[in-house]
Amino acid sequence: MAGTKGAATRRPASKAKPKAVAPPKAARGREELGGAKTARRTARAIKGTPAPRQARQDFRVVYVQSRGVDEFVSDVCAADPMCLIETERAGVAGAFVKDLARRLEIRAQRMFDILGVPKATAEKKVAAGELLSGSGGRAALGIARLLGMASAIVSNSTAPEAAGFDAAKWLGRWLETPQPALGGRKPAELIDTPTGFQVVARLLGAIESGAYQ
């Protein structure tokens, strides 16, 4: 046809491939740093290596007063060693000490004496909502663990007397009762030191069969 003769054949335009643009040097550095951090976190998870201490501060047992002493005791007994270590380092709520004293039916002043904490210091911690740390806080946690042991003795017992038995009230009396196995000393006189607590805990574990006497 006359209109098409000699007309140039049109070819479809070729799509040029976009050139790869390298990210800025600073961005590459951030990506590499982020990848390195991810790799380290993955390695820690695989090897079981604990994260830095700042990241572990939330992994401790915290006393919530509305939940009560017994719930806190259950949490302490269920906690793993690393969690307990962080809890011992941080301390326990001052309010827990007074609530624990009421639960064991021990006067607050006497509880402060058992823990080796001056009354004024303990009352200040309670009023300010602060943690009781140091040896006093560790001793308070020790008593919580003893209460957990006493409660377990009751739960595991098949004796008829176990029904309705108040393990906390019994433990409060037991702590203040001279024990022949301790040379006539009261368990409460020993639990302010780690070794003393271990001695008392062993004695409590050994008297399971006579817990209702």
C-alpha atoms as a PDB file:
ATOM      1  CA  MET A   1       0.000   0.000   0.000  1.00  0.00           C
ATOM      2  CA  ALA A   2       1.248   3.495  -0.840  1.00  0.00           C
ATOM      3  CA  GLY A   3       0.775   4.836   2.671  1.00  0.00           C
ATOM      4  CA  THR A   4       2.797   2.128   4.298  1.00  0.00           C
ATOM      5  CA  LYS A   5       5.520   1.506   1.726  1.00  0.00           C
ATOM      6  CA  GLY A   6       8.930   2.303   3.008  1.00  0.00           C
ATOM      7  CA  ALA A   7       7.652   3.162   6.455  1.00  0.00           C
ATOM      8  CA  ALA A   8      10.136   2.470   9.222  1.00  0.00           C
ATOM      9  CA  THR A   9       9.392  -0.557  11.338  1.00  0.00           C
ATOM     10  CA  ARG A  10       8.892   0.452  14.960  1.00  0.00           C
ATOM     11  CA  ARG A  11      10.473  -1.745  17.595  1.00  0.00           C
ATOM     12  CA  PRO A  12       9.217  -1.852  21.158  1.00  0.00           C
ATOM     13  CA  ALA A  13      11.326   0.250  23.429  1.00  0.00           C
ATOM     14  CA  SER A  14      13.624  -1.876  25.534  1.00  0.00           C
ATOM     15  CA  LYS A  15      13.245  -1.577  29.301  1.00  0.00           C
ATOM     16  CA  ALA A  16      16.492  -0.474  30.766  1.00  0.00           C
ATOM     17  CA  LYS A  17      17.438  -2.232  34.012  1.00  0.00           C
ATOM     18  CA  PRO A  18      17.719   0.233  36.918  1.00  0.00           C
ATOM     19  CA  LYS A  19      21.190   0.566  38.242  1.00  0.00           C
ATOM     20  CA  ALA A  20      21.708  -0.660  41.774  1.00  0.00           C
ATOM     21  CA  VAL A  21      22.382   2.236  44.093  1.00  0.00           C
ATOM     22  CA  ALA A  22      24.579   1.419  47.038  1.00  0.00           C
ATOM     23  CA  PRO A  23      23.262   2.687  50.369  1.00  0.00           C
ATOM     24  CA  PRO A  24      25.194   5.484  52.008  1.00  0.00           C
ATOM     25  CA  LYS A  25      28.152   4.423  54.058  1.00  0.00           C
ATOM     26  CA  ALA A  26      26.459   5.430  57.323  1.00  0.00           C
ATOM     27  CA  ALA A  27      23.388   3.339  56.481  1.00  0.00           C
ATOM     28  CA  ARG A  28      25.569   0.335  55.665  1.00  0.00           C
ATOM     29  CA  GLY A  29      27.258   0.761  59.023  1.00  0.00           C
ATOM     30  CA  ARG A  30      23.923   0.748  60.825  1.00  0.00           C
ATOM     31  CA  GLU A  31      22.788  -2.354  58.946  1.00  0.00           C
ATOM     32  CA  GLU A  32      26.018  -4.170  59.766  1.00  0.00           C
ATOM     33  CA  LEU A  33      25.784  -3.124  63.418  1.00  0.00           C
ATOM     34  CA  GLY A  34      22.156  -4.241  63.614  1.00  0.00           C
ATOM     35  CA  GLY A  35      23.052  -7.566  62.056  1.00  0.00           C
ATOM     36  CA  ALA A  36      25.872  -8.047  64.536  1.00  0.00           C
ATOM     37  CA  LYS A  37      23.548  -7.359  67.463  1.00  0.00           C
ATOM     38  CA  THR A  38      20.985  -9.811  66.134  1.00  0.00           C
ATOM     39  CA  ALA A  39      23.698 -12.432  65.731  1.00  0.00           C
ATOM     40  CA  ARG A  40      24.876 -11.929  69.297  1.00  0.00           C
ATOM     41  CA  ARG A  41      21.339 -12.198  70.667  1.00  0.00           C
ATOM     42  CA  THR A  42      20.791 -15.391  68.676  1.00  0.00           C
ATOM     43  CA  ALA A  43      24.071 -16.831  69.936  1.00  0.00           C
ATOM     44  CA  ARG A  44      23.099 -16.048  73.542  1.00  0.00           C
ATOM     45  CA  ALA A  45      19.719 -17.742  73.067  1.00  0.00           C
ATOM     46  CA  ILE A  46      21.363 -20.853  71.624  1.00  0.00           C
ATOM     47  CA  LYS A  47      24.123 -21.113  74.201  1.00  0.00           C
ATOM     48  CA  GLY A  48      21.921 -20.114  77.129  1.00  0.00           C
ATOM     49  CA  THR A  49      24.217 -17.202  77.987  1.00  0.00           C
ATOM     50  CA  PRO A  50      22.356 -14.635  80.095  1.00  0.00           C
ATOM     51  CA  ALA A  51      21.793 -11.187  78.642  1.00  0.00           C
ATOM     52  CA  PRO A  52      23.492  -8.148  80.219  1.00  0.00           C
ATOM     53  CA  ARG A  53      22.344  -7.326  83.729  1.00  0.00           C
ATOM     54  CA  GLN A  54      20.281  -4.317  82.635  1.00  0.00           C
ATOM     55  CA  ALA A  55      18.097  -6.631  80.570  1.00  0.00           C
ATOM     56  CA  ARG A  56      17.629  -9.039  83.483  1.00  0.00           C
ATOM     57  CA  GLN A  57      16.304  -6.524  85.998  1.00  0.00           C
ATOM     58  CA  ASP A  58      12.710  -7.417  85.179  1.00  0.00           C
ATOM     59  CA  PHE A  59      13.362 -11.110  85.802  1.00  0.00           C
ATOM     60  CA  ARG A  60      12.774 -11.070  89.551  1.00  0.00           C
ATOM     61  CA  VAL A  61       9.920 -11.824  91.909  1.00  0.00           C
ATOM     62  CA  VAL A  62       7.977  -8.698  92.840  1.00  0.00           C
ATOM     63  CA  TYR A  63       5.584  -8.486  95.785  1.00  0.00           C
ATOM     64  CA  VAL A  64       2.132  -7.252  94.814  1.00  0.00           C
ATOM     65  CA  GLN A  65       0.294  -6.458  98.013  1.00  0.00           C
ATOM     66  CA  SER A  66      -3.149  -6.985  96.495  1.00  0.00           C
ATOM     67  CA  ARG A  67      -2.204 -10.591  95.657  1.00  0.00           C
ATOM     68  CA  GLY A  68      -1.112 -11.357  99.203  1.00  0.00           C
ATOM     69  CA  VAL A  69       1.754 -13.125 100.942  1.00  0.00           C
ATOM     70  CA  ASP A  70       0.826 -16.645  99.863  1.00  0.00           C
ATOM     71  CA  GLU A  71       0.921 -15.764  96.159  1.00  0.00           C
ATOM     72  CA  PHE A  72       4.340 -14.155  96.580  1.00  0.00           C
ATOM     73  CA  VAL A  73       5.594 -17.220  98.437  1.00  0.00           C
ATOM     74  CA  SER A  74       4.379 -19.448  95.592  1.00  0.00           C
ATOM     75  CA  ASP A  75       6.180 -17.246  93.065  1.00  0.00           C
ATOM     76  CA  VAL A  76       9.405 -17.372  95.089  1.00  0.00           C
ATOM     77  CA  CYS A  77       9.279 -21.159  95.368  1.00  0.00           C
ATOM     78  CA  ALA A  78       8.611 -21.525  91.638  1.00  0.00           C
ATOM     79  CA  ALA A  79      11.362 -19.109  90.573  1.00  0.00           C
ATOM     80  CA  ASP A  80      14.565 -20.391  88.987  1.00  0.00           C
ATOM     81  CA  PRO A  81      17.945 -19.698  90.661  1.00  0.00           C
ATOM     82  CA  MET A  82      18.835 -16.785  88.350  1.00  0.00           C
ATOM     83  CA  CYS A  83      15.523 -15.105  89.141  1.00  0.00           C
ATOM     84  CA  LEU A  84      16.085 -15.580  92.882  1.00  0.00           C
ATOM     85  CA  ILE A  85      19.573 -14.100  92.620  1.00  0.00           C
ATOM     86  CA  GLU A  86      18.189 -10.969  90.973  1.00  0.00           C
ATOM     87  CA  THR A  87      15.447 -10.785  93.606  1.00  0.00           C
ATOM     88  CA  GLU A  88      17.980 -11.075  96.422  1.00  0.00           C
ATOM     89  CA  ARG A  89      20.085  -8.334  94.864  1.00  0.00           C
ATOM     90  CA  ALA A  90      17.144  -5.974  94.443  1.00  0.00           C
ATOM     91  CA  GLY A  91      15.444  -6.726  97.769  1.00  0.00           C
ATOM     92  CA  VAL A  92      11.805  -7.141  98.768  1.00  0.00           C
ATOM     93  CA  ALA A  93       9.079  -4.597  99.345  1.00  0.00           C
ATOM     94  CA  GLY A  94       9.029  -3.172 102.854  1.00  0.00           C
ATOM     95  CA  ALA A  95       5.284  -3.802 102.920  1.00  0.00           C
ATOM     96  CA  PHE A  96       5.958  -7.528 102.463  1.00  0.00           C
ATOM     97  CA  VAL A  97       7.815  -7.664 105.780  1.00  0.00           C
ATOM     98  CA  LYS A  98       4.863  -6.296 107.738  1.00  0.00           C
ATOM     99  CA  ASP A  99       2.363  -8.444 105.834  1.00  0.00           C
ATOM    100  CA  LEU A 100       4.541 -11.506 106.404  1.00  0.00           C
ATOM    101  CA  ALA A 101       4.649 -10.762 110.130  1.00  0.00           C
ATOM    102  CA  ARG A 102       0.853 -10.654 110.240  1.00  0.00           C
ATOM    103  CA  ARG A 103       0.606 -13.857 108.208  1.00  0.00           C
ATOM    104  CA  LEU A 104       2.896 -15.689 110.639  1.00  0.00           C
ATOM    105  CA  GLU A 105       1.239 -13.997 113.643  1.00  0.00           C
ATOM    106  CA  ILE A 106       4.554 -12.492 114.735  1.00  0.00           C
ATOM    107  CA  ARG A 107       4.723  -8.916 116.016  1.00  0.00           C
ATOM    108  CA  ALA A 108       6.203  -6.498 113.475  1.00  0.00           C
ATOM    109  CA  GLN A 109       8.891  -5.376 115.913  1.00  0.00           C
ATOM    110  CA  ARG A 110       9.914  -8.969 116.495  1.00  0.00           C
ATOM    111  CA  MET A 111      10.031  -9.582 112.739  1.00  0.00           C
ATOM    112  CA  PHE A 112      12.386  -6.615 112.331  1.00  0.00           C
ATOM    113  CA  ASP A 113      14.605  -8.103 115.035  1.00  0.00           C
ATOM    114  CA  ILE A 114      14.633 -11.499 113.312  1.00  0.00           C
ATOM    115  CA  LEU A 115      15.664  -9.880 110.033  1.00  0.00           C
ATOM    116  CA  GLY A 116      18.287  -7.746 111.744  1.00  0.00           C
ATOM    117  CA  VAL A 117      16.718  -4.511 110.494  1.00  0.00           C
ATOM    118  CA  PRO A 118      16.248  -1.451 112.755  1.00  0.00           C
ATOM    119  CA  LYS A 119      12.577  -0.618 113.276  1.00  0.00           C
ATOM    120  CA  ALA A 120      13.024   2.962 112.056  1.00  0.00           C
ATOM    121  CA  THR A 121      14.646   1.786 108.826  1.00  0.00           C
ATOM    122  CA  ALA A 122      11.968  -0.811 108.167  1.00  0.00           C
ATOM    123  CA  GLU A 123       9.120   1.614 108.871  1.00  0.00           C
ATOM    124  CA  LYS A 124      10.700   4.192 106.574  1.00  0.00           C
ATOM    125  CA  LYS A 125      10.932   1.646 103.763  1.00  0.00           C
ATOM    126  CA  VAL A 126       7.288   0.697 104.247  1.00  0.00           C
ATOM    127  CA  ALA A 127       6.084   4.310 104.287  1.00  0.00           C
ATOM    128  CA  ALA A 128       8.091   5.229 101.177  1.00  0.00           C
ATOM    129  CA  GLY A 129       7.182   2.063  99.284  1.00  0.00           C
ATOM    130  CA  GLU A 130      10.864   1.199  98.944  1.00  0.00           C
ATOM    131  CA  LEU A 131      12.646  -2.137  98.774  1.00  0.00           C
ATOM    132  CA  LEU A 132      14.368  -3.680 101.761  1.00  0.00           C
ATOM    133  CA  SER A 133      17.711  -4.893 100.432  1.00  0.00           C
ATOM    134  CA  GLY A 134      20.882  -6.347 101.922  1.00  0.00           C
ATOM    135  CA  SER A 135      20.897  -9.066 104.555  1.00  0.00           C
ATOM    136  CA  GLY A 136      17.461  -8.036 105.849  1.00  0.00           C
ATOM    137  CA  GLY A 137      15.855  -8.480 102.444  1.00  0.00           C
ATOM    138  CA  ARG A 138      17.565 -11.831 101.929  1.00  0.00           C
ATOM    139  CA  ALA A 139      16.384 -13.012 105.351  1.00  0.00           C
ATOM    140  CA  ALA A 140      12.813 -11.998 104.479  1.00  0.00           C
ATOM    141  CA  LEU A 141      13.064 -14.039 101.289  1.00  0.00           C
ATOM    142  CA  GLY A 142      14.435 -16.905 103.373  1.00  0.00           C
ATOM    143  CA  ILE A 143      11.351 -16.858 105.579  1.00  0.00           C
ATOM    144  CA  ALA A 144       9.189 -16.815 102.458  1.00  0.00           C
ATOM    145  CA  ARG A 145      10.960 -19.950 101.254  1.00  0.00           C
ATOM    146  CA  LEU A 146      10.483 -21.609 104.656  1.00  0.00           C
ATOM    147  CA  LEU A 147       6.784 -20.813 104.457  1.00  0.00           C
ATOM    148  CA  GLY A 148       6.724 -22.419 101.025  1.00  0.00           C
ATOM    149  CA  MET A 149       8.346 -25.545 102.488  1.00  0.00           C
ATOM    150  CA  ALA A 150       5.851 -25.685 105.348  1.00  0.00           C
ATOM    151  CA  SER A 151       2.937 -25.261 102.941  1.00  0.00           C
ATOM    152  CA  ALA A 152       4.303 -28.066 100.762  1.00  0.00           C
ATOM    153  CA  ILE A 153       4.531 -30.348 103.793  1.00  0.00           C
ATOM    154  CA  VAL A 154       0.845 -29.739 104.478  1.00  0.00           C
ATOM    155  CA  SER A 155      -0.159 -30.174 100.820  1.00  0.00           C
ATOM    156  CA  ASN A 156       1.726 -33.452 100.489  1.00  0.00           C
ATOM    157  CA  SER A 157       0.441 -34.921 103.733  1.00  0.00           C
ATOM    158  CA  THR A 158      -2.284 -37.535 103.853  1.00  0.00           C
ATOM    159  CA  ALA A 159      -2.852 -37.101 107.584  1.00  0.00           C
ATOM    160  CA  PRO A 160      -6.403 -36.120 108.588  1.00  0.00           C
ATOM    161  CA  GLU A 161      -4.993 -33.163 110.516  1.00  0.00           C
ATOM    162  CA  ALA A 162      -3.746 -31.613 107.263  1.00  0.00           C
ATOM    163  CA  ALA A 163      -7.243 -30.493 106.303  1.00  0.00           C
ATOM    164  CA  GLY A 164      -7.570 -26.832 107.228  1.00  0.00           C
ATOM    165  CA  PHE A 165      -4.096 -26.750 108.806  1.00  0.00           C
ATOM    166  CA  ASP A 166      -2.607 -23.228 108.876  1.00  0.00           C
ATOM    167  CA  ALA A 167       1.014 -23.716 107.807  1.00  0.00           C
ATOM    168  CA  ALA A 168       1.881 -20.028 108.257  1.00  0.00           C
ATOM    169  CA  LYS A 169       0.618 -19.895 111.825  1.00  0.00           C
ATOM    170  CA  TRP A 170       2.469 -23.129 112.633  1.00  0.00           C
ATOM    171  CA  LEU A 171       5.687 -21.824 111.090  1.00  0.00           C
ATOM    172  CA  GLY A 172       5.448 -18.625 113.137  1.00  0.00           C
ATOM    173  CA  ARG A 173       5.328 -20.676 116.342  1.00  0.00           C
ATOM    174  CA  TRP A 174       8.046 -23.066 115.174  1.00  0.00           C
ATOM    175  CA  LEU A 175      10.469 -20.256 114.385  1.00  0.00           C
ATOM    176  CA  GLU A 176      10.140 -19.015 117.964  1.00  0.00           C
ATOM    177  CA  THR A 177      10.421 -22.433 119.614  1.00  0.00           C
ATOM    178  CA  PRO A 178      13.849 -23.609 120.904  1.00  0.00           C
ATOM    179  CA  GLN A 179      14.953 -26.685 118.953  1.00  0.00           C
ATOM    180  CA  PRO A 180      17.159 -29.441 120.446  1.00  0.00           C
ATOM    181  CA  ALA A 181      18.734 -30.000 117.018  1.00  0.00           C
ATOM    182  CA  LEU A 182      19.918 -26.371 117.136  1.00  0.00           C
ATOM    183  CA  GLY A 183      21.411 -26.662 120.580  1.00  0.00           C
ATOM    184  CA  GLY A 184      18.324 -25.181 122.186  1.00  0.00           C
ATOM    185  CA  ARG A 185      18.337 -22.096 119.963  1.00  0.00           C
ATOM    186  CA  LYS A 186      15.306 -20.774 118.104  1.00  0.00           C
ATOM    187  CA  PRO A 187      15.283 -21.058 114.298  1.00  0.00           C
ATOM    188  CA  ALA A 188      14.427 -17.358 114.178  1.00  0.00           C
ATOM    189  CA  GLU A 189      17.826 -16.588 115.720  1.00  0.00           C
ATOM    190  CA  LEU A 190      19.723 -18.117 112.804  1.00  0.00           C
ATOM    191  CA  ILE A 191      17.995 -17.160 109.565  1.00  0.00           C
ATOM    192  CA  ASP A 192      19.668 -13.752 109.237  1.00  0.00           C
ATOM    193  CA  THR A 193      22.747 -15.412 107.698  1.00  0.00           C
ATOM    194  CA  PRO A 194      22.933 -17.670 104.599  1.00  0.00           C
ATOM    195  CA  THR A 195      24.478 -20.552 106.561  1.00  0.00           C
ATOM    196  CA  GLY A 196      21.941 -20.181 109.350  1.00  0.00           C
ATOM    197  CA  PHE A 197      19.102 -20.282 106.853  1.00  0.00           C
ATOM    198  CA  GLN A 198      20.471 -23.486 105.320  1.00  0.00           C
ATOM    199  CA  VAL A 199      20.646 -25.110 108.756  1.00  0.00           C
ATOM    200  CA  VAL A 200      17.064 -24.106 109.539  1.00  0.00           C
ATOM    201  CA  ALA A 201      15.806 -25.198 106.118  1.00  0.00           C
ATOM    202  CA  ARG A 202      17.388 -28.646 106.543  1.00  0.00           C
ATOM    203  CA  LEU A 203      15.804 -29.005 109.964  1.00  0.00           C
ATOM    204  CA  LEU A 204      12.384 -28.018 108.654  1.00  0.00           C
ATOM    205  CA  GLY A 205      12.677 -30.499 105.807  1.00  0.00           C
ATOM    206  CA  ALA A 206      13.611 -33.271 108.239  1.00  0.00           C
ATOM    207  CA  ILE A 207      10.574 -32.925 110.494  1.00  0.00           C
ATOM    208  CA  GLU A 208       7.870 -33.438 107.888  1.00  0.00           C
ATOM    209  CA  SER A 209       6.465 -36.456 109.709  1.00  0.00           C
ATOM    210  CA  GLY A 210       6.029 -34.441 112.912  1.00  0.00           C
ATOM    211  CA  ALA A 211       4.719 -31.218 111.444  1.00  0.00           C
ATOM    212  CA  TYR A 212       1.402 -31.448 113.268  1.00  0.00           C
ATOM    213  CA  GLN A 213       2.767 -32.041 116.744  1.00  0.00           C
END
